[in-house]
Amino acid sequence: MMERMLCHQLSDIIGYSDVSVESAGLMESAAGQAMAEFSQSELRERGIDADGHMSRFIGALDLSDYQLILTVGEEEANAICAMREGHAPIIVLGGGVPNPWQQGEQAYRDCANHIEQSLSGITDLLDKLRKGK
């Protein structure tokens, strides 16, 4: 959800058409799986395209290609720190995003709301990165 919500947010802001947003996770076994149905539903309710997303394993990526890495929690940030190449900042979004997996529709709604609120200041962070601060 975070990838799609951030792409949607940035598409509405002049000057961010060149920003690429990608999603990947730490579970190699989840690679190739479609987005959870409740995640798709939450995105659609917000007018965001949910079609075609497939999970990817972060270990298959060259992390030195990225300028910023957003994570859903400290545990994920620490795991990425241990495997990454390069020096892209790693930011835990909103102090951590609650994992809604197998907790029902309301948990996905709460998660989407948390992501939406946490992404509100992301353009400030992107501006700082662009200016080299």
Protein backbone atom coordinates (compact mmCIF):
# COMPACT_ATOMS: atom_id res chain seq x y z
CA MET A 1 0.00 0.00 0.00
CA MET A 2 2.83 2.37 0.85
CA GLU A 3 4.29 2.26 -2.67
CA ARG A 4 0.98 2.96 -4.37
CA MET A 5 -0.01 5.68 -1.91
CA LEU A 6 3.32 7.48 -2.27
CA CYS A 7 3.21 7.26 -6.08
CA HIS A 8 -0.30 8.69 -6.00
CA GLN A 9 0.73 11.52 -3.69
CA LEU A 10 3.79 12.45 -5.75
CA SER A 11 1.91 12.34 -9.05
CA ASP A 12 -0.18 15.30 -7.87
CA ILE A 13 2.86 17.49 -7.08
CA ILE A 14 4.65 19.48 -9.75
CA GLY A 15 8.35 18.64 -9.87
CA TYR A 16 8.11 15.03 -8.76
CA SER A 17 7.42 13.34 -12.08
CA ASP A 18 11.01 12.04 -12.12
CA VAL A 19 10.76 10.30 -8.73
CA SER A 20 10.58 6.52 -8.97
CA VAL A 21 8.97 4.55 -6.15
CA GLU A 22 9.37 0.79 -5.82
CA SER A 23 8.27 -1.79 -3.28
CA ALA A 24 10.10 -4.86 -1.96
CA GLY A 25 9.89 -7.01 1.13
CA LEU A 26 12.09 -9.16 3.32
CA MET A 27 10.27 -12.46 2.78
CA GLU A 28 11.76 -14.19 -0.23
CA SER A 29 8.92 -16.73 -0.16
CA ALA A 30 6.38 -13.94 -0.77
CA ALA A 31 8.02 -12.81 -4.03
CA GLY A 32 5.60 -12.98 -6.93
CA GLN A 33 2.46 -12.84 -4.80
CA ALA A 34 -0.32 -10.38 -5.50
CA MET A 35 -1.26 -7.64 -3.05
CA ALA A 36 -3.64 -8.71 -0.27
CA GLU A 37 -7.29 -8.22 -1.20
CA PHE A 38 -7.96 -5.89 1.75
CA SER A 39 -4.96 -3.76 0.69
CA GLN A 40 -6.37 -3.52 -2.81
CA SER A 41 -9.75 -2.56 -1.41
CA GLU A 42 -8.27 0.20 0.77
CA LEU A 43 -6.37 1.65 -2.16
CA ARG A 44 -9.41 1.59 -4.44
CA GLU A 45 -11.49 3.38 -1.77
CA ARG A 46 -8.87 6.16 -1.91
CA GLY A 47 -9.00 6.33 -5.71
CA ILE A 48 -5.59 4.66 -6.12
CA ASP A 49 -4.88 1.99 -8.72
CA ALA A 50 -4.19 -1.35 -7.02
CA ASP A 51 -3.87 -3.53 -10.12
CA GLY A 52 -0.79 -5.46 -11.14
CA HIS A 53 1.30 -5.23 -7.97
CA MET A 54 3.49 -8.26 -7.31
CA SER A 55 5.68 -8.69 -4.24
CA ARG A 56 9.44 -8.61 -4.73
CA PHE A 57 12.27 -9.78 -2.51
CA ILE A 58 14.58 -6.94 -1.50
CA GLY A 59 17.59 -9.26 -1.57
CA ALA A 60 17.24 -9.44 -5.36
CA LEU A 61 17.79 -5.68 -5.71
CA ASP A 62 20.97 -3.62 -5.89
CA LEU A 63 20.27 -1.26 -3.00
CA SER A 64 23.05 1.08 -4.09
CA ASP A 65 20.69 2.22 -6.85
CA TYR A 66 18.35 3.89 -4.34
CA GLN A 67 18.55 7.35 -2.76
CA LEU A 68 16.06 6.70 0.04
CA ILE A 69 14.63 3.58 1.61
CA LEU A 70 11.37 3.77 3.57
CA THR A 71 10.54 0.87 5.86
CA VAL A 72 7.51 -0.16 7.88
CA GLY A 73 9.47 -0.81 11.08
CA GLU A 74 12.77 -0.89 12.97
CA GLU A 75 13.21 -4.63 12.47
CA GLU A 76 12.95 -4.19 8.70
CA ALA A 77 15.31 -1.19 8.79
CA ASN A 78 17.90 -3.20 10.72
CA ALA A 79 17.65 -6.14 8.32
CA ILE A 80 18.10 -3.85 5.31
CA CYS A 81 21.02 -2.08 7.00
CA ALA A 82 22.76 -5.43 7.33
CA MET A 83 22.33 -6.29 3.64
CA ARG A 84 22.53 -2.97 1.84
CA GLU A 85 25.20 -1.56 -0.36
CA GLY A 86 25.57 2.17 -0.63
CA HIS A 87 24.58 4.85 1.77
CA ALA A 88 20.94 5.63 1.11
CA PRO A 89 19.18 6.85 4.24
CA ILE A 90 16.77 4.35 5.76
CA ILE A 91 13.68 5.91 7.32
CA VAL A 92 11.07 4.08 9.39
CA LEU A 93 7.80 5.57 8.17
CA GLY A 94 5.68 7.18 10.87
CA GLY A 95 7.54 5.50 13.71
CA GLY A 96 6.46 2.14 12.31
CA VAL A 97 3.49 0.89 10.33
CA PRO A 98 1.20 -1.67 11.97
CA ASN A 99 1.19 -5.02 10.16
CA PRO A 100 -2.40 -5.86 9.21
CA TRP A 101 -1.63 -9.35 7.87
CA GLN A 102 -4.48 -11.77 8.67
CA GLN A 103 -6.12 -9.33 11.11
CA GLY A 104 -9.17 -8.44 9.05
CA GLU A 105 -10.48 -5.50 7.09
CA GLN A 106 -10.32 -2.93 9.90
CA ALA A 107 -6.61 -3.62 10.47
CA TYR A 108 -5.94 -2.88 6.79
CA ARG A 109 -7.97 0.32 7.02
CA ASP A 110 -6.03 1.41 10.12
CA CYS A 111 -2.76 0.57 8.38
CA ALA A 112 -3.73 2.55 5.26
CA ASN A 113 -4.74 5.53 7.43
CA HIS A 114 -1.41 5.37 9.26
CA ILE A 115 0.52 5.27 5.97
CA GLU A 116 -1.51 8.13 4.53
CA GLN A 117 -0.87 10.33 7.58
CA SER A 118 2.82 9.38 7.73
CA LEU A 119 3.42 10.19 4.07
CA SER A 120 2.10 13.73 4.45
CA GLY A 121 5.57 15.18 5.06
CA ILE A 122 7.55 12.99 2.69
CA THR A 123 7.95 15.74 0.10
CA ASP A 124 9.90 17.81 2.65
CA LEU A 125 12.30 14.92 3.11
CA LEU A 126 12.62 14.46 -0.66
CA ASP A 127 13.35 18.16 -1.09
CA LYS A 128 16.17 17.93 1.50
CA LEU A 129 17.66 14.92 -0.30
CA ARG A 130 17.56 16.75 -3.61
CA LYS A 131 19.32 19.73 -2.10
CA GLY A 132 21.95 17.50 -0.51
CA LYS A 133 21.08 18.37 3.10
